PDB file of N, CA and C in Angstrom:
ATOM      1  N   MET A   1      16.501  11.528  -1.057  1.00  0.00           N
ATOM      2  CA  MET A   1      16.112  10.754  -2.214  1.00  0.00           C
ATOM      3  C   MET A   1      17.330  10.269  -2.994  1.00  0.00           C
ATOM      4  N   SER A   2      18.441  10.940  -2.838  1.00  0.00           N
ATOM      5  CA  SER A   2      19.620  10.555  -3.604  1.00  0.00           C
ATOM      6  C   SER A   2      20.101   9.142  -3.258  1.00  0.00           C
ATOM      7  N   SER A   3      19.836   8.675  -2.032  1.00  0.00           N
ATOM      8  CA  SER A   3      20.277   7.330  -1.660  1.00  0.00           C
ATOM      9  C   SER A   3      19.485   6.243  -2.382  1.00  0.00           C
ATOM     10  N   PHE A   4      18.339   6.582  -2.975  1.00  0.00           N
ATOM     11  CA  PHE A   4      17.519   5.610  -3.685  1.00  0.00           C
ATOM     12  C   PHE A   4      17.788   5.596  -5.192  1.00  0.00           C
ATOM     13  N   LYS A   5      18.627   6.495  -5.689  1.00  0.00           N
ATOM     14  CA  LYS A   5      18.911   6.535  -7.118  1.00  0.00           C
ATOM     15  C   LYS A   5      19.585   5.240  -7.568  1.00  0.00           C
ATOM     16  N   THR A   6      19.278   4.850  -8.773  1.00  0.00           N
ATOM     17  CA  THR A   6      19.875   3.635  -9.326  1.00  0.00           C
ATOM     18  C   THR A   6      20.767   4.013 -10.498  1.00  0.00           C
ATOM     19  N   LYS A   7      21.605   3.081 -10.896  1.00  0.00           N
ATOM     20  CA  LYS A   7      22.486   3.344 -12.032  1.00  0.00           C
ATOM     21  C   LYS A   7      21.771   3.127 -13.350  1.00  0.00           C
ATOM     22  N   THR A   8      20.664   2.401 -13.315  1.00  0.00           N
ATOM     23  CA  THR A   8      19.872   2.190 -14.524  1.00  0.00           C
ATOM     24  C   THR A   8      18.619   3.050 -14.447  1.00  0.00           C
ATOM     25  N   GLN A   9      17.909   3.172 -15.523  1.00  0.00           N
ATOM     26  CA  GLN A   9      16.704   3.994 -15.537  1.00  0.00           C
ATOM     27  C   GLN A   9      15.493   3.134 -15.184  1.00  0.00           C
ATOM     28  N   ARG A  10      15.228   3.013 -13.897  1.00  0.00           N
ATOM     29  CA  ARG A  10      14.093   2.231 -13.420  1.00  0.00           C
ATOM     30  C   ARG A  10      12.879   3.125 -13.255  1.00  0.00           C
ATOM     31  N   LYS A  11      11.713   2.495 -13.314  1.00  0.00           N
ATOM     32  CA  LYS A  11      10.487   3.261 -13.133  1.00  0.00           C
ATOM     33  C   LYS A  11      10.105   3.386 -11.667  1.00  0.00           C
ATOM     34  N   ARG A  12      10.692   2.584 -10.805  1.00  0.00           N
ATOM     35  CA  ARG A  12      10.439   2.735  -9.380  1.00  0.00           C
ATOM     36  C   ARG A  12      11.768   2.754  -8.637  1.00  0.00           C
ATOM     37  N   LEU A  13      11.731   3.316  -7.447  1.00  0.00           N
ATOM     38  CA  LEU A  13      12.943   3.451  -6.657  1.00  0.00           C
ATOM     39  C   LEU A  13      13.370   2.109  -6.076  1.00  0.00           C
ATOM     40  N   LYS A  14      14.633   1.874  -6.050  1.00  0.00           N
ATOM     41  CA  LYS A  14      15.176   0.639  -5.501  1.00  0.00           C
ATOM     42  C   LYS A  14      15.123   0.665  -3.970  1.00  0.00           C
ATOM     43  N   ASN A  15      14.532  -0.364  -3.372  1.00  0.00           N
ATOM     44  CA  ASN A  15      14.416  -0.513  -1.912  1.00  0.00           C
ATOM     45  C   ASN A  15      13.748   0.686  -1.233  1.00  0.00           C
ATOM     46  N   ALA A  16      12.826   1.338  -1.903  1.00  0.00           N
ATOM     47  CA  ALA A  16      12.195   2.533  -1.346  1.00  0.00           C
ATOM     48  C   ALA A  16      11.071   2.205  -0.369  1.00  0.00           C
ATOM     49  N   TYR A  17      10.539   1.007  -0.408  1.00  0.00           N
ATOM     50  CA  TYR A  17       9.462   0.645   0.496  1.00  0.00           C
ATOM     51  C   TYR A  17       9.492  -0.857   0.741  1.00  0.00           C
ATOM     52  N   SER A  18       8.781  -1.281   1.769  1.00  0.00           N
ATOM     53  CA  SER A  18       8.730  -2.696   2.132  1.00  0.00           C
ATOM     54  C   SER A  18       7.273  -3.133   2.177  1.00  0.00           C
ATOM     55  N   ASN A  19       7.013  -4.349   1.762  1.00  0.00           N
ATOM     56  CA  ASN A  19       5.655  -4.874   1.876  1.00  0.00           C
ATOM     57  C   ASN A  19       5.562  -5.905   3.007  1.00  0.00           C
ATOM     58  N   GLU A  20       6.508  -5.849   3.939  1.00  0.00           N
ATOM     59  CA  GLU A  20       6.507  -6.749   5.095  1.00  0.00           C
ATOM     60  C   GLU A  20       5.332  -6.464   6.033  1.00  0.00           C
ATOM     61  N   ASN A  21       4.946  -5.193   6.156  1.00  0.00           N
ATOM     62  CA  ASN A  21       3.837  -4.794   7.016  1.00  0.00           C
ATOM     63  C   ASN A  21       2.889  -3.890   6.252  1.00  0.00           C
ATOM     64  N   LYS A  22       1.679  -3.770   6.773  1.00  0.00           N
ATOM     65  CA  LYS A  22       0.670  -2.914   6.156  1.00  0.00           C
ATOM     66  C   LYS A  22       1.085  -1.440   6.287  1.00  0.00           C
ATOM     67  N   LEU A  23       0.948  -0.698   5.201  1.00  0.00           N
ATOM     68  CA  LEU A  23       1.255   0.726   5.214  1.00  0.00           C
ATOM     69  C   LEU A  23       0.171   1.466   5.993  1.00  0.00           C
ATOM     70  N   ILE A  24       0.562   2.269   6.956  1.00  0.00           N
ATOM     71  CA  ILE A  24      -0.378   3.004   7.799  1.00  0.00           C
ATOM     72  C   ILE A  24      -0.573   4.431   7.293  1.00  0.00           C
ATOM     73  N   PHE A  25       0.508   5.100   6.915  1.00  0.00           N
ATOM     74  CA  PHE A  25       0.418   6.504   6.507  1.00  0.00           C
ATOM     75  C   PHE A  25       1.597   6.844   5.614  1.00  0.00           C
ATOM     76  N   ILE A  26       1.303   7.551   4.547  1.00  0.00           N
ATOM     77  CA  ILE A  26       2.368   8.066   3.691  1.00  0.00           C
ATOM     78  C   ILE A  26       1.881   9.380   3.084  1.00  0.00           C
ATOM     79  N   GLU A  27       2.742  10.354   3.120  1.00  0.00           N
ATOM     80  CA  GLU A  27       2.396  11.650   2.533  1.00  0.00           C
ATOM     81  C   GLU A  27       3.670  12.453   2.318  1.00  0.00           C
ATOM     82  N   HIS A  28       3.698  13.179   1.235  1.00  0.00           N
ATOM     83  CA  HIS A  28       4.815  14.090   0.976  1.00  0.00           C
ATOM     84  C   HIS A  28       4.525  15.385   1.716  1.00  0.00           C
ATOM     85  N   ILE A  29       5.421  15.760   2.622  1.00  0.00           N
ATOM     86  CA  ILE A  29       5.247  17.016   3.347  1.00  0.00           C
ATOM     87  C   ILE A  29       6.427  17.922   3.051  1.00  0.00           C
ATOM     88  N   GLU A  30       6.140  19.177   2.878  1.00  0.00           N
ATOM     89  CA  GLU A  30       7.175  20.147   2.519  1.00  0.00           C
ATOM     90  C   GLU A  30       7.771  20.831   3.738  1.00  0.00           C
ATOM     91  N   SER A  31       6.997  20.954   4.815  1.00  0.00           N
ATOM     92  CA  SER A  31       7.520  21.544   6.052  1.00  0.00           C
ATOM     93  C   SER A  31       6.987  20.721   7.222  1.00  0.00           C
ATOM     94  N   ASP A  32       7.623  20.863   8.368  1.00  0.00           N
ATOM     95  CA  ASP A  32       7.266  20.053   9.530  1.00  0.00           C
ATOM     96  C   ASP A  32       5.839  20.318   9.990  1.00  0.00           C
ATOM     97  N   ILE A  33       5.156  19.236  10.354  1.00  0.00           N
ATOM     98  CA  ILE A  33       3.780  19.324  10.832  1.00  0.00           C
ATOM     99  C   ILE A  33       3.612  18.418  12.050  1.00  0.00           C
ATOM    100  N   ASP A  34       2.526  18.640  12.794  1.00  0.00           N
ATOM    101  CA  ASP A  34       2.167  17.757  13.900  1.00  0.00           C
ATOM    102  C   ASP A  34       1.306  16.622  13.363  1.00  0.00           C
ATOM    103  N   LEU A  35       1.583  15.402  13.857  1.00  0.00           N
ATOM    104  CA  LEU A  35       0.787  14.231  13.506  1.00  0.00           C
ATOM    105  C   LEU A  35       0.371  13.533  14.791  1.00  0.00           C
ATOM    106  N   ILE A  36      -0.733  12.803  14.727  1.00  0.00           N
ATOM    107  CA  ILE A  36      -1.249  12.070  15.866  1.00  0.00           C
ATOM    108  C   ILE A  36      -1.204  10.580  15.546  1.00  0.00           C
ATOM    109  N   ALA A  37      -0.500   9.812  16.382  1.00  0.00           N
ATOM    110  CA  ALA A  37      -0.434   8.359  16.240  1.00  0.00           C
ATOM    111  C   ALA A  37      -1.400   7.745  17.246  1.00  0.00           C
ATOM    112  N   ILE A  38      -2.212   6.791  16.770  1.00  0.00           N
ATOM    113  CA  ILE A  38      -3.197   6.136  17.629  1.00  0.00           C
ATOM    114  C   ILE A  38      -2.975   4.628  17.560  1.00  0.00           C
ATOM    115  N   SER A  39      -2.888   3.995  18.720  1.00  0.00           N
ATOM    116  CA  SER A  39      -2.651   2.550  18.770  1.00  0.00           C
ATOM    117  C   SER A  39      -3.967   1.788  18.902  1.00  0.00           C
ATOM    118  N   THR A  40      -3.883   0.472  18.735  1.00  0.00           N
ATOM    119  CA  THR A  40      -5.079  -0.369  18.875  1.00  0.00           C
ATOM    120  C   THR A  40      -5.568  -0.411  20.315  1.00  0.00           C
ATOM    121  N   SER A  41      -4.728  -0.031  21.277  1.00  0.00           N
ATOM    122  CA  SER A  41      -5.156   0.048  22.681  1.00  0.00           C
ATOM    123  C   SER A  41      -5.613   1.466  23.040  1.00  0.00           C
ATOM    124  N   ASP A  42      -5.865   2.289  22.013  1.00  0.00           N
ATOM    125  CA  ASP A  42      -6.335   3.673  22.160  1.00  0.00           C
ATOM    126  C   ASP A  42      -5.379   4.578  22.925  1.00  0.00           C
ATOM    127  N   LYS A  43      -4.096   4.320  22.825  1.00  0.00           N
ATOM    128  CA  LYS A  43      -3.081   5.245  23.321  1.00  0.00           C
ATOM    129  C   LYS A  43      -2.830   6.254  22.199  1.00  0.00           C
ATOM    130  N   ILE A  44      -2.695   7.525  22.551  1.00  0.00           N
ATOM    131  CA  ILE A  44      -2.555   8.596  21.568  1.00  0.00           C
ATOM    132  C   ILE A  44      -1.263   9.353  21.820  1.00  0.00           C
ATOM    133  N   LEU A  45      -0.560   9.644  20.731  1.00  0.00           N
ATOM    134  CA  LEU A  45       0.715  10.357  20.810  1.00  0.00           C
ATOM    135  C   LEU A  45       0.729  11.454  19.757  1.00  0.00           C
ATOM    136  N   LEU A  46       0.973  12.668  20.187  1.00  0.00           N
ATOM    137  CA  LEU A  46       1.135  13.810  19.287  1.00  0.00           C
ATOM    138  C   LEU A  46       2.632  14.069  19.150  1.00  0.00           C
ATOM    139  N   PHE A  47       3.109  14.141  17.914  1.00  0.00           N
ATOM    140  CA  PHE A  47       4.532  14.401  17.682  1.00  0.00           C
ATOM    141  C   PHE A  47       4.690  15.284  16.456  1.00  0.00           C
ATOM    142  N   ASN A  48       5.833  15.922  16.371  1.00  0.00           N
ATOM    143  CA  ASN A  48       6.140  16.759  15.228  1.00  0.00           C
ATOM    144  C   ASN A  48       7.080  15.999  14.308  1.00  0.00           C
ATOM    145  N   THR A  49       6.911  16.167  13.016  1.00  0.00           N
ATOM    146  CA  THR A  49       7.751  15.455  12.050  1.00  0.00           C
ATOM    147  C   THR A  49       9.216  15.868  12.144  1.00  0.00           C
ATOM    148  N   SER A  50       9.507  16.997  12.774  1.00  0.00           N
ATOM    149  CA  SER A  50      10.903  17.405  12.955  1.00  0.00           C
ATOM    150  C   SER A  50      11.640  16.459  13.905  1.00  0.00           C
ATOM    151  N   ASP A  51      10.896  15.688  14.708  1.00  0.00           N
ATOM    152  CA  ASP A  51      11.499  14.727  15.636  1.00  0.00           C
ATOM    153  C   ASP A  51      11.946  13.446  14.936  1.00  0.00           C
ATOM    154  N   ILE A  52      11.551  13.245  13.700  1.00  0.00           N
ATOM    155  CA  ILE A  52      11.923  12.044  12.952  1.00  0.00           C
ATOM    156  C   ILE A  52      13.280  12.292  12.301  1.00  0.00           C
ATOM    157  N   SER A  53      14.223  11.448  12.643  1.00  0.00           N
ATOM    158  CA  SER A  53      15.572  11.596  12.097  1.00  0.00           C
ATOM    159  C   SER A  53      15.618  11.058  10.668  1.00  0.00           C
ATOM    160  N   PRO A  54      16.140  11.845   9.735  1.00  0.00           N
ATOM    161  CA  PRO A  54      16.260  11.346   8.362  1.00  0.00           C
ATOM    162  C   PRO A  54      17.318  10.251   8.270  1.00  0.00           C
ATOM    163  N   THR A  55      17.152   9.355   7.321  1.00  0.00           N
ATOM    164  CA  THR A  55      18.117   8.283   7.131  1.00  0.00           C
ATOM    165  C   THR A  55      18.613   8.282   5.693  1.00  0.00           C
ATOM    166  N   GLN A  56      19.859   7.940   5.513  1.00  0.00           N
ATOM    167  CA  GLN A  56      20.441   7.862   4.177  1.00  0.00           C
ATOM    168  C   GLN A  56      20.498   6.423   3.684  1.00  0.00           C
ATOM    169  N   SER A  57      20.102   5.487   4.527  1.00  0.00           N
ATOM    170  CA  SER A  57      20.209   4.076   4.192  1.00  0.00           C
ATOM    171  C   SER A  57      18.965   3.570   3.477  1.00  0.00           C
ATOM    172  N   THR A  58      19.170   2.738   2.464  1.00  0.00           N
ATOM    173  CA  THR A  58      18.026   2.106   1.796  1.00  0.00           C
ATOM    174  C   THR A  58      17.646   0.818   2.512  1.00  0.00           C
ATOM    175  N   LYS A  59      18.384   0.443   3.532  1.00  0.00           N
ATOM    176  CA  LYS A  59      18.102  -0.779   4.293  1.00  0.00           C
ATOM    177  C   LYS A  59      17.290  -0.494   5.557  1.00  0.00           C
ATOM    178  N   SER A  60      16.919   0.745   5.803  1.00  0.00           N
ATOM    179  CA  SER A  60      16.200   1.123   7.015  1.00  0.00           C
ATOM    180  C   SER A  60      14.783   0.570   7.005  1.00  0.00           C
ATOM    181  N   TRP A  61      14.301   0.164   8.181  1.00  0.00           N
ATOM    182  CA  TRP A  61      12.928  -0.321   8.331  1.00  0.00           C
ATOM    183  C   TRP A  61      12.010   0.780   8.824  1.00  0.00           C
ATOM    184  N   GLY A  62      12.510   1.980   8.926  1.00  0.00           N
ATOM    185  CA  GLY A  62      11.684   3.096   9.352  1.00  0.00           C
ATOM    186  C   GLY A  62      12.074   3.602  10.726  1.00  0.00           C
ATOM    187  N   VAL A  63      11.223   4.443  11.279  1.00  0.00           N
ATOM    188  CA  VAL A  63      11.467   5.079  12.557  1.00  0.00           C
ATOM    189  C   VAL A  63      10.341   4.690  13.504  1.00  0.00           C
ATOM    190  N   GLN A  64      10.693   4.280  14.716  1.00  0.00           N
ATOM    191  CA  GLN A  64       9.663   3.952  15.693  1.00  0.00           C
ATOM    192  C   GLN A  64       9.121   5.245  16.286  1.00  0.00           C
ATOM    193  N   VAL A  65       7.830   5.426  16.185  1.00  0.00           N
ATOM    194  CA  VAL A  65       7.172   6.611  16.714  1.00  0.00           C
ATOM    195  C   VAL A  65       6.413   6.242  17.986  1.00  0.00           C
ATOM    196  N   LEU A  66       5.527   5.283  17.850  1.00  0.00           N
ATOM    197  CA  LEU A  66       4.695   4.855  18.967  1.00  0.00           C
ATOM    198  C   LEU A  66       5.264   3.563  19.541  1.00  0.00           C
ATOM    199  N   ARG A  67       5.646   3.574  20.787  1.00  0.00           N
ATOM    200  CA  ARG A  67       6.177   2.375  21.438  1.00  0.00           C
ATOM    201  C   ARG A  67       4.975   1.590  21.964  1.00  0.00           C
ATOM    202  N   PRO A  68       4.660   0.460  21.349  1.00  0.00           N
ATOM    203  CA  PRO A  68       3.427  -0.253  21.711  1.00  0.00           C
ATOM    204  C   PRO A  68       3.522  -0.994  23.043  1.00  0.00           C
ATOM    205  N   LYS A  69       2.389  -1.092  23.727  1.00  0.00           N
ATOM    206  CA  LYS A  69       2.278  -1.933  24.918  1.00  0.00           C
ATOM    207  C   LYS A  69       2.013  -3.358  24.418  1.00  0.00           C
ATOM    208  N   ALA A  70       1.898  -4.310  25.322  1.00  0.00           N
ATOM    209  CA  ALA A  70       1.681  -5.708  24.946  1.00  0.00           C
ATOM    210  C   ALA A  70       0.431  -5.868  24.076  1.00  0.00           C
ATOM    211  N   ASN A  71       0.561  -6.607  22.995  1.00  0.00           N
ATOM    212  CA  ASN A  71      -0.533  -6.898  22.055  1.00  0.00           C
ATOM    213  C   ASN A  71      -1.158  -5.651  21.442  1.00  0.00           C
ATOM    214  N   SER A  72      -0.414  -4.578  21.344  1.00  0.00           N
ATOM    215  CA  SER A  72      -0.901  -3.333  20.761  1.00  0.00           C
ATOM    216  C   SER A  72      -0.074  -2.998  19.528  1.00  0.00           C
ATOM    217  N   LYS A  73      -0.718  -2.380  18.548  1.00  0.00           N
ATOM    218  CA  LYS A  73      -0.035  -1.975  17.321  1.00  0.00           C
ATOM    219  C   LYS A  73      -0.487  -0.579  16.932  1.00  0.00           C
ATOM    220  N   LEU A  74       0.277   0.040  16.064  1.00  0.00           N
ATOM    221  CA  LEU A  74      -0.121   1.324  15.506  1.00  0.00           C
ATOM    222  C   LEU A  74      -1.343   1.104  14.627  1.00  0.00           C
ATOM    223  N   LYS A  75      -2.417   1.848  14.893  1.00  0.00           N
ATOM    224  CA  LYS A  75      -3.663   1.685  14.152  1.00  0.00           C
ATOM    225  C   LYS A  75      -3.791   2.717  13.039  1.00  0.00           C
ATOM    226  N   VAL A  76      -3.508   3.974  13.352  1.00  0.00           N
ATOM    227  CA  VAL A  76      -3.720   5.044  12.381  1.00  0.00           C
ATOM    228  C   VAL A  76      -2.856   6.256  12.741  1.00  0.00           C
ATOM    229  N   ILE A  77      -2.515   7.013  11.715  1.00  0.00           N
ATOM    230  CA  ILE A  77      -1.863   8.326  11.889  1.00  0.00           C
ATOM    231  C   ILE A  77      -2.829   9.359  11.314  1.00  0.00           C
ATOM    232  N   LYS A  78      -3.086  10.391  12.075  1.00  0.00           N
ATOM    233  CA  LYS A  78      -3.983  11.451  11.616  1.00  0.00           C
ATOM    234  C   LYS A  78      -3.289  12.799  11.716  1.00  0.00           C
ATOM    235  N   LYS A  79      -3.796  13.731  10.929  1.00  0.00           N
ATOM    236  CA  LYS A  79      -3.292  15.098  10.986  1.00  0.00           C
ATOM    237  C   LYS A  79      -3.981  15.853  12.120  1.00  0.00           C
ATOM    238  N   HIS A  80      -3.334  16.897  12.534  1.00  0.00           N
ATOM    239  CA  HIS A  80      -3.824  17.774  13.599  1.00  0.00           C
ATOM    240  C   HIS A  80      -5.273  18.205  13.334  1.00  0.00           C
ATOM    241  N   SER A  81      -5.593  18.517  12.099  1.00  0.00           N
ATOM    242  CA  SER A  81      -6.921  19.031  11.743  1.00  0.00           C
ATOM    243  C   SER A  81      -8.012  17.955  11.702  1.00  0.00           C
ATOM    244  N   GLN A  82      -7.640  16.681  11.791  1.00  0.00           N
ATOM    245  CA  GLN A  82      -8.611  15.587  11.680  1.00  0.00           C
ATOM    246  C   GLN A  82      -9.146  15.104  13.025  1.00  0.00           C
ATOM    247  N   VAL A  83      -8.685  15.699  14.115  1.00  0.00           N
ATOM    248  CA  VAL A  83      -9.124  15.278  15.448  1.00  0.00           C
ATOM    249  C   VAL A  83      -9.665  16.469  16.220  1.00  0.00           C
ATOM    250  N   LYS A  84     -10.463  16.173  17.251  1.00  0.00           N
ATOM    251  CA  LYS A  84     -11.013  17.223  18.112  1.00  0.00           C
ATOM    252  C   LYS A  84     -10.537  16.969  19.543  1.00  0.00           C
ATOM    253  N   PHE A  85      -9.452  17.644  19.905  1.00  0.00           N
ATOM    254  CA  PHE A  85      -8.889  17.527  21.243  1.00  0.00           C
ATOM    255  C   PHE A  85      -9.011  18.867  21.944  1.00  0.00           C
ATOM    256  N   GLN A  86      -9.320  18.835  23.239  1.00  0.00           N
ATOM    257  CA  GLN A  86      -9.386  20.059  24.032  1.00  0.00           C
ATOM    258  C   GLN A  86      -7.979  20.569  24.352  1.00  0.00           C
ATOM    259  N   ASP A  87      -7.070  19.638  24.673  1.00  0.00           N
ATOM    260  CA  ASP A  87      -5.712  20.001  25.059  1.00  0.00           C
ATOM    261  C   ASP A  87      -4.726  19.131  24.277  1.00  0.00           C
ATOM    262  N   PHE A  88      -4.279  19.629  23.137  1.00  0.00           N
ATOM    263  CA  PHE A  88      -3.356  18.874  22.289  1.00  0.00           C
ATOM    264  C   PHE A  88      -2.055  18.551  23.018  1.00  0.00           C
ATOM    265  N   GLU A  89      -1.562  19.467  23.838  1.00  0.00           N
ATOM    266  CA  GLU A  89      -0.268  19.290  24.492  1.00  0.00           C
ATOM    267  C   GLU A  89      -0.261  18.131  25.491  1.00  0.00           C
ATOM    268  N   TYR A  90      -1.430  17.720  25.965  1.00  0.00           N
ATOM    269  CA  TYR A  90      -1.528  16.556  26.848  1.00  0.00           C
ATOM    270  C   TYR A  90      -0.983  15.303  26.156  1.00  0.00           C
ATOM    271  N   TYR A  91      -1.136  15.219  24.856  1.00  0.00           N
ATOM    272  CA  TYR A  91      -0.728  14.039  24.088  1.00  0.00           C
ATOM    273  C   TYR A  91       0.696  14.148  23.520  1.00  0.00           C
ATOM    274  N   ARG A  92       1.333  15.320  23.612  1.00  0.00           N
ATOM    275  CA  ARG A  92       2.651  15.525  23.003  1.00  0.00           C
ATOM    276  C   ARG A  92       3.755  14.895  23.851  1.00  0.00           C
ATOM    277  N   LYS A  93       4.610  14.107  23.184  1.00  0.00           N
ATOM    278  CA  LYS A  93       5.778  13.499  23.817  1.00  0.00           C
ATOM    279  C   LYS A  93       6.880  13.386  22.781  1.00  0.00           C
ATOM    280  N   ARG A  94       8.097  13.206  23.252  1.00  0.00           N
ATOM    281  CA  ARG A  94       9.233  12.952  22.344  1.00  0.00           C
ATOM    282  C   ARG A  94       9.161  11.496  21.895  1.00  0.00           C
ATOM    283  N   ILE A  95       9.372  11.253  20.625  1.00  0.00           N
ATOM    284  CA  ILE A  95       9.289   9.889  20.107  1.00  0.00           C
ATOM    285  C   ILE A  95      10.609   9.155  20.306  1.00  0.00           C
ATOM    286  N   PRO A  96      10.568   7.846  20.472  1.00  0.00           N
ATOM    287  CA  PRO A  96       9.385   6.981  20.589  1.00  0.00           C
ATOM    288  C   PRO A  96       8.802   7.047  22.001  1.00  0.00           C
ATOM    289  N   ALA A  97       7.492   6.946  22.093  1.00  0.00           N
ATOM    290  CA  ALA A  97       6.796   7.010  23.382  1.00  0.00           C
ATOM    291  C   ALA A  97       5.552   6.130  23.337  1.00  0.00           C
ATOM    292  N   ILE A  98       5.006   5.840  24.505  1.00  0.00           N
ATOM    293  CA  ILE A  98       3.811   4.994  24.589  1.00  0.00           C
ATOM    294  C   ILE A  98       2.557   5.792  24.274  1.00  0.00           C
ATOM    295  N   GLY A  99       2.483   7.025  24.709  1.00  0.00           N
ATOM    296  CA  GLY A  99       1.297   7.846  24.483  1.00  0.00           C
ATOM    297  C   GLY A  99       0.401   7.874  25.709  1.00  0.00           C
ATOM    298  N   ASN A 100      -0.681   8.607  25.615  1.00  0.00           N
ATOM    299  CA  ASN A 100      -1.650   8.755  26.709  1.00  0.00           C
ATOM    300  C   ASN A 100      -3.017   8.265  26.263  1.00  0.00           C
ATOM    301  N   TYR A 101      -3.822   7.843  27.241  1.00  0.00           N
ATOM    302  CA  TYR A 101      -5.204   7.472  26.929  1.00  0.00           C
ATOM    303  C   TYR A 101      -5.995   8.722  26.586  1.00  0.00           C
ATOM    304  N   ILE A 102      -7.025   8.563  25.796  1.00  0.00           N
ATOM    305  CA  ILE A 102      -7.839   9.692  25.354  1.00  0.00           C
ATOM    306  C   ILE A 102      -8.612  10.289  26.526  1.00  0.00           C
ATOM    307  N   LEU A 103      -8.680  11.612  26.555  1.00  0.00           N
ATOM    308  CA  LEU A 103      -9.448  12.305  27.573  1.00  0.00           C
ATOM    309  C   LEU A 103     -10.934  12.231  27.262  1.00  0.00           C
ATOM    310  N   LYS A 104     -11.753  12.423  28.275  1.00  0.00           N
ATOM    311  CA  LYS A 104     -13.211  12.246  28.195  1.00  0.00           C
ATOM    312  C   LYS A 104     -13.874  13.001  27.040  1.00  0.00           C
ATOM    313  N   ASP A 105     -13.549  14.261  26.866  1.00  0.00           N
ATOM    314  CA  ASP A 105     -14.230  15.099  25.865  1.00  0.00           C
ATOM    315  C   ASP A 105     -13.553  15.113  24.496  1.00  0.00           C
ATOM    316  N   ASP A 106     -12.478  14.361  24.318  1.00  0.00           N
ATOM    317  CA  ASP A 106     -11.743  14.361  23.050  1.00  0.00           C
ATOM    318  C   ASP A 106     -12.287  13.309  22.090  1.00  0.00           C
ATOM    319  N   GLU A 107     -12.155  13.587  20.803  1.00  0.00           N
ATOM    320  CA  GLU A 107     -12.606  12.661  19.760  1.00  0.00           C
ATOM    321  C   GLU A 107     -11.548  12.542  18.676  1.00  0.00           C
ATOM    322  N   TYR A 108     -11.454  11.352  18.101  1.00  0.00           N
ATOM    323  CA  TYR A 108     -10.573  11.163  16.941  1.00  0.00           C
ATOM    324  C   TYR A 108     -11.318  10.464  15.884  1.00  0.00           C
TER     325      TYR A 108
END
């Protein structure tokens, strides 16, 4: 957060967010958790927040988590507790990755 500090007393952080694209997920987390990224082509990727490299730059556009296939975009990010998967590890990959198609008995 120190990289966003300003020399004046502003009510919002300088360059802390971009409105170039629709915000998909934002949450303050205190310790690393597993998250599930789902694309518009129904590819699913399970990753841990510890895999996201922190940045000190206010010019960063973020971190690529889900590597989209043609005409596919990130649709939603969900928490581990919001989905019903039989085998969570089937979807786990190091980011950035394309992800796997949903298994027959799984629900999101």
